[in-house]
Amino acid sequence: MRSPSERDQREAKLDTLIKSFMRDDMPAFRNACEWLRDYADEDKRGRGLVHGSGSYWYTPRHKR
């Protein structure tokens, strides 16, 4: 059996998010939301974006 890929892990966490919401399982729902937020933030950092104030992400300007 192959090890789960990153995509498989994301899909499993999204399934958990939806199922926990439907079952009104708030601890599992919060955990899945935190994971999803952290994953999205890491993805943005990987693209070179920097977190500004609030929910604003921007590409920093290079000083000359």
Protein backbone atom coordinates (compact mmCIF):
# COMPACT_ATOMS: atom_id res chain seq x y z
CA MET A 1 0.00 0.00 0.00
CA ARG A 2 1.36 3.41 -0.92
CA SER A 3 1.79 6.20 1.57
CA PRO A 4 -0.82 8.96 1.40
CA SER A 5 0.15 11.89 -0.78
CA GLU A 6 -0.22 15.50 0.28
CA ARG A 7 -3.34 15.73 -1.85
CA ASP A 8 -4.84 12.65 -0.15
CA GLN A 9 -4.16 14.21 3.25
CA ARG A 10 -5.81 17.50 2.21
CA GLU A 11 -8.87 15.71 0.88
CA ALA A 12 -9.16 13.64 4.06
CA LYS A 13 -8.97 16.79 6.20
CA LEU A 14 -11.60 18.52 4.05
CA ASP A 15 -13.85 15.45 4.40
CA THR A 16 -13.36 15.66 8.18
CA LEU A 17 -14.27 19.36 8.06
CA ILE A 18 -17.54 18.71 6.23
CA LYS A 19 -18.55 15.62 8.21
CA SER A 20 -17.78 17.23 11.58
CA PHE A 21 -19.86 20.27 10.59
CA MET A 22 -22.78 18.06 9.57
CA ARG A 23 -22.56 16.05 12.82
CA ASP A 24 -22.18 19.22 14.90
CA ASP A 25 -18.82 17.96 16.22
CA MET A 26 -17.30 21.32 17.08
CA PRO A 27 -13.90 20.13 18.43
CA ALA A 28 -13.19 18.18 15.22
CA PHE A 29 -14.53 21.06 13.11
CA ARG A 30 -12.26 23.59 14.86
CA ASN A 31 -9.27 21.29 14.45
CA ALA A 32 -9.94 20.92 10.72
CA CYS A 33 -10.41 24.70 10.33
CA GLU A 34 -7.11 25.40 12.08
CA TRP A 35 -5.33 22.90 9.87
CA LEU A 36 -6.87 24.40 6.74
CA ARG A 37 -5.90 27.95 7.79
CA ASP A 38 -2.32 26.85 8.54
CA TYR A 39 -2.10 25.00 5.23
CA ALA A 40 -3.33 28.05 3.28
CA ASP A 41 -0.88 30.32 5.12
CA GLU A 42 2.02 27.98 4.36
CA ASP A 43 0.99 27.86 0.71
CA LYS A 44 0.98 31.67 0.54
CA ARG A 45 4.40 31.88 2.19
CA GLY A 46 5.67 29.36 -0.34
CA ARG A 47 4.64 31.75 -3.11
CA GLY A 48 6.65 34.56 -1.49
CA LEU A 49 3.75 36.47 0.02
CA VAL A 50 4.04 38.24 3.37
CA HIS A 51 1.23 38.61 5.91
CA GLY A 52 0.23 42.22 6.48
CA SER A 53 -2.40 43.55 8.83
CA GLY A 54 -5.69 41.68 9.17
CA SER A 55 -6.17 39.14 6.40
CA TYR A 56 -4.12 41.07 3.83
CA TRP A 57 -1.25 39.24 2.07
CA TYR A 58 1.14 41.09 -0.21
CA THR A 59 4.32 40.63 -2.21
CA PRO A 60 7.11 42.66 -0.61
CA ARG A 61 8.97 45.22 -2.69
CA HIS A 62 12.71 44.86 -2.89
CA LYS A 63 14.71 47.85 -1.70
CA ARG A 64 16.97 49.36 -4.32
